[in-house]
Amino acid sequence: MTIALLSLSVHHERRLRVGFSQAVAGGAFSAALYTITCADGTASSPAVTKALVVANSPAFVELQLGDDLAQGALYRVSAVG
């Protein structure tokens, strides 16, 4: 069964919320499953330090980043697992 990453929203310079096609299991809350890469080389690629539960939203995970996202930079978000 494949779960697709459907949405992404920025909630702060160090917080992203990702939405999946269906509810995620407990294993989805491991920061090691997520990678954020600056795709245009204009900024650093921040590490994901925590993957947090979003209350009453079982298909969403909030990612806490180790560094700020740079305004205007292009990022690629991957979730593997």
N, C-alpha and C. Protein backbone atom coordinates (compact mmCIF):
# COMPACT_ATOMS: atom_id res chain seq x y z
N MET A 1 0.84 -1.17 0.00
CA MET A 1 0.00 0.00 0.00
C MET A 1 0.89 1.25 0.00
N THR A 2 0.65 2.15 -0.90
CA THR A 2 1.43 3.37 -1.03
C THR A 2 0.68 4.53 -0.40
N ILE A 3 1.38 5.31 0.39
CA ILE A 3 0.84 6.54 0.95
C ILE A 3 1.56 7.69 0.27
N ALA A 4 0.81 8.59 -0.33
CA ALA A 4 1.40 9.70 -1.06
C ALA A 4 1.48 10.95 -0.19
N LEU A 5 2.54 11.73 -0.37
CA LEU A 5 2.66 13.04 0.26
C LEU A 5 1.87 14.01 -0.62
N LEU A 6 0.78 14.56 -0.08
CA LEU A 6 -0.12 15.38 -0.88
C LEU A 6 0.01 16.88 -0.68
N SER A 7 0.37 17.30 0.52
CA SER A 7 0.40 18.74 0.77
C SER A 7 1.56 19.11 1.67
N LEU A 8 1.93 20.37 1.58
CA LEU A 8 3.01 20.92 2.39
C LEU A 8 2.67 22.37 2.69
N SER A 9 2.77 22.75 3.94
CA SER A 9 2.55 24.16 4.27
C SER A 9 3.60 24.60 5.28
N VAL A 10 4.05 25.83 5.13
CA VAL A 10 5.05 26.41 6.02
C VAL A 10 4.30 27.09 7.15
N HIS A 11 4.63 26.72 8.40
CA HIS A 11 3.97 27.31 9.56
C HIS A 11 4.89 28.25 10.32
N HIS A 12 6.17 28.22 9.99
CA HIS A 12 7.18 29.08 10.62
C HIS A 12 8.47 28.82 9.86
N GLU A 13 9.48 29.64 10.06
CA GLU A 13 10.76 29.42 9.38
C GLU A 13 11.36 28.05 9.71
N ARG A 14 10.96 27.49 10.85
CA ARG A 14 11.49 26.18 11.27
C ARG A 14 10.40 25.13 11.45
N ARG A 15 9.24 25.33 10.87
CA ARG A 15 8.16 24.35 10.99
C ARG A 15 7.44 24.16 9.65
N LEU A 16 7.35 22.92 9.22
CA LEU A 16 6.59 22.56 8.02
C LEU A 16 5.54 21.53 8.41
N ARG A 17 4.39 21.58 7.79
CA ARG A 17 3.36 20.55 8.00
C ARG A 17 3.16 19.82 6.69
N VAL A 18 3.30 18.50 6.74
CA VAL A 18 3.11 17.67 5.56
C VAL A 18 1.85 16.85 5.73
N GLY A 19 1.09 16.72 4.64
CA GLY A 19 -0.15 15.96 4.65
C GLY A 19 -0.04 14.77 3.71
N PHE A 20 -0.54 13.65 4.17
CA PHE A 20 -0.47 12.40 3.40
C PHE A 20 -1.86 11.99 2.93
N SER A 21 -1.90 11.03 2.01
CA SER A 21 -3.15 10.59 1.40
C SER A 21 -4.03 9.78 2.35
N GLN A 22 -3.48 9.34 3.46
CA GLN A 22 -4.27 8.62 4.47
C GLN A 22 -3.59 8.75 5.82
N ALA A 23 -4.25 8.30 6.86
CA ALA A 23 -3.69 8.38 8.21
C ALA A 23 -2.35 7.65 8.27
N VAL A 24 -1.42 8.20 9.01
CA VAL A 24 -0.09 7.60 9.15
C VAL A 24 0.01 6.85 10.46
N ALA A 25 0.88 5.84 10.49
CA ALA A 25 1.12 5.05 11.69
C ALA A 25 2.19 5.71 12.54
N GLY A 26 2.43 5.16 13.72
CA GLY A 26 3.39 5.71 14.66
C GLY A 26 4.79 5.83 14.10
N GLY A 27 5.17 4.95 13.18
CA GLY A 27 6.50 5.01 12.59
C GLY A 27 6.75 6.26 11.77
N ALA A 28 5.70 6.96 11.38
CA ALA A 28 5.84 8.18 10.56
C ALA A 28 6.39 9.35 11.36
N PHE A 29 6.54 9.17 12.67
CA PHE A 29 6.99 10.27 13.52
C PHE A 29 8.46 10.15 13.89
N SER A 30 9.22 9.55 13.00
CA SER A 30 10.68 9.48 13.13
C SER A 30 11.28 10.53 12.21
N ALA A 31 12.04 11.45 12.77
CA ALA A 31 12.64 12.52 11.98
C ALA A 31 13.56 11.98 10.88
N ALA A 32 14.12 10.80 11.08
CA ALA A 32 15.04 10.22 10.10
C ALA A 32 14.38 9.88 8.77
N LEU A 33 13.06 9.83 8.73
CA LEU A 33 12.34 9.50 7.50
C LEU A 33 12.21 10.68 6.54
N TYR A 34 12.52 11.88 7.00
CA TYR A 34 12.26 13.09 6.22
C TYR A 34 13.57 13.78 5.85
N THR A 35 13.62 14.28 4.62
CA THR A 35 14.78 15.02 4.13
C THR A 35 14.30 16.29 3.45
N ILE A 36 14.96 17.39 3.76
CA ILE A 36 14.68 18.66 3.10
C ILE A 36 15.97 19.12 2.45
N THR A 37 15.91 19.35 1.15
CA THR A 37 17.08 19.72 0.37
C THR A 37 16.82 21.02 -0.35
N CYS A 38 17.76 21.95 -0.29
CA CYS A 38 17.66 23.18 -1.09
C CYS A 38 17.97 22.80 -2.53
N ALA A 39 17.00 22.92 -3.40
CA ALA A 39 17.13 22.45 -4.78
C ALA A 39 17.82 23.45 -5.71
N ASP A 40 17.89 24.71 -5.32
CA ASP A 40 18.50 25.69 -6.22
C ASP A 40 19.87 26.19 -5.74
N GLY A 41 20.38 25.65 -4.64
CA GLY A 41 21.70 25.99 -4.16
C GLY A 41 21.84 27.37 -3.52
N THR A 42 20.73 28.04 -3.26
CA THR A 42 20.80 29.39 -2.70
C THR A 42 20.83 29.41 -1.18
N ALA A 43 20.63 28.26 -0.53
CA ALA A 43 20.60 28.19 0.93
C ALA A 43 21.06 26.81 1.38
N SER A 44 21.23 26.67 2.67
CA SER A 44 21.59 25.35 3.21
C SER A 44 20.36 24.46 3.25
N SER A 45 20.57 23.18 3.44
CA SER A 45 19.49 22.21 3.56
C SER A 45 19.30 21.89 5.03
N PRO A 46 18.21 22.35 5.64
CA PRO A 46 18.03 22.16 7.07
C PRO A 46 17.72 20.70 7.43
N ALA A 47 18.26 20.26 8.56
CA ALA A 47 17.96 18.92 9.07
C ALA A 47 16.59 18.93 9.73
N VAL A 48 15.89 17.81 9.65
CA VAL A 48 14.63 17.63 10.38
C VAL A 48 15.01 17.10 11.76
N THR A 49 14.69 17.85 12.82
CA THR A 49 15.07 17.46 14.16
C THR A 49 13.98 16.70 14.90
N LYS A 50 12.71 16.95 14.55
CA LYS A 50 11.59 16.26 15.17
C LYS A 50 10.45 16.12 14.18
N ALA A 51 9.69 15.04 14.30
CA ALA A 51 8.46 14.84 13.54
C ALA A 51 7.35 14.73 14.58
N LEU A 52 6.43 15.67 14.55
CA LEU A 52 5.44 15.81 15.61
C LEU A 52 4.03 15.43 15.16
N VAL A 53 3.23 14.94 16.10
CA VAL A 53 1.83 14.63 15.87
C VAL A 53 1.05 15.94 15.73
N VAL A 54 0.09 15.99 14.83
CA VAL A 54 -0.81 17.13 14.69
C VAL A 54 -2.15 16.70 15.26
N ALA A 55 -2.59 17.35 16.33
CA ALA A 55 -3.82 16.97 17.02
C ALA A 55 -5.02 16.92 16.08
N ASN A 56 -5.78 15.85 16.18
CA ASN A 56 -7.02 15.64 15.40
C ASN A 56 -6.79 15.62 13.90
N SER A 57 -5.57 15.35 13.46
CA SER A 57 -5.24 15.30 12.04
C SER A 57 -4.33 14.09 11.78
N PRO A 58 -4.90 12.89 11.70
CA PRO A 58 -4.08 11.67 11.61
C PRO A 58 -3.30 11.50 10.32
N ALA A 59 -3.56 12.32 9.32
CA ALA A 59 -2.84 12.22 8.05
C ALA A 59 -1.78 13.30 7.92
N PHE A 60 -1.47 14.01 9.01
CA PHE A 60 -0.50 15.11 8.98
C PHE A 60 0.63 14.89 9.97
N VAL A 61 1.80 15.37 9.60
CA VAL A 61 2.98 15.36 10.46
C VAL A 61 3.59 16.75 10.40
N GLU A 62 3.94 17.30 11.55
CA GLU A 62 4.62 18.59 11.58
C GLU A 62 6.11 18.36 11.78
N LEU A 63 6.91 18.96 10.93
CA LEU A 63 8.36 18.78 10.98
C LEU A 63 9.03 20.00 11.59
N GLN A 64 9.86 19.77 12.59
CA GLN A 64 10.65 20.84 13.19
C GLN A 64 12.03 20.78 12.57
N LEU A 65 12.53 21.93 12.12
CA LEU A 65 13.80 22.01 11.41
C LEU A 65 14.91 22.56 12.30
N GLY A 66 16.14 22.15 12.01
CA GLY A 66 17.29 22.61 12.77
C GLY A 66 17.76 24.00 12.39
N ASP A 67 17.40 24.46 11.20
CA ASP A 67 17.77 25.80 10.71
C ASP A 67 16.57 26.42 10.03
N ASP A 68 16.61 27.74 9.90
CA ASP A 68 15.52 28.46 9.22
C ASP A 68 15.51 28.14 7.73
N LEU A 69 14.32 28.15 7.14
CA LEU A 69 14.19 28.13 5.69
C LEU A 69 14.51 29.53 5.18
N ALA A 70 15.16 29.63 4.05
CA ALA A 70 15.50 30.92 3.47
C ALA A 70 14.39 31.39 2.54
N GLN A 71 13.99 32.64 2.70
CA GLN A 71 12.95 33.20 1.86
C GLN A 71 13.42 33.21 0.41
N GLY A 72 12.58 32.72 -0.50
CA GLY A 72 12.87 32.72 -1.92
C GLY A 72 13.63 31.49 -2.40
N ALA A 73 14.12 30.67 -1.49
CA ALA A 73 14.85 29.45 -1.90
C ALA A 73 13.85 28.36 -2.29
N LEU A 74 14.28 27.47 -3.16
CA LEU A 74 13.46 26.35 -3.61
C LEU A 74 13.90 25.10 -2.86
N TYR A 75 12.95 24.46 -2.18
CA TYR A 75 13.25 23.26 -1.38
C TYR A 75 12.51 22.05 -1.92
N ARG A 76 13.12 20.89 -1.72
CA ARG A 76 12.51 19.60 -2.06
C ARG A 76 12.36 18.83 -0.75
N VAL A 77 11.14 18.35 -0.48
CA VAL A 77 10.86 17.59 0.73
C VAL A 77 10.59 16.15 0.34
N SER A 78 11.28 15.23 1.01
CA SER A 78 11.09 13.80 0.76
C SER A 78 10.71 13.10 2.05
N ALA A 79 9.81 12.14 1.91
CA ALA A 79 9.41 11.29 3.03
C ALA A 79 9.55 9.85 2.56
N VAL A 80 10.42 9.10 3.21
CA VAL A 80 10.68 7.72 2.81
C VAL A 80 10.44 6.81 4.00
N GLY A 81 9.65 5.79 3.77
CA GLY A 81 9.46 4.84 4.87
C GLY A 81 8.25 3.99 4.68
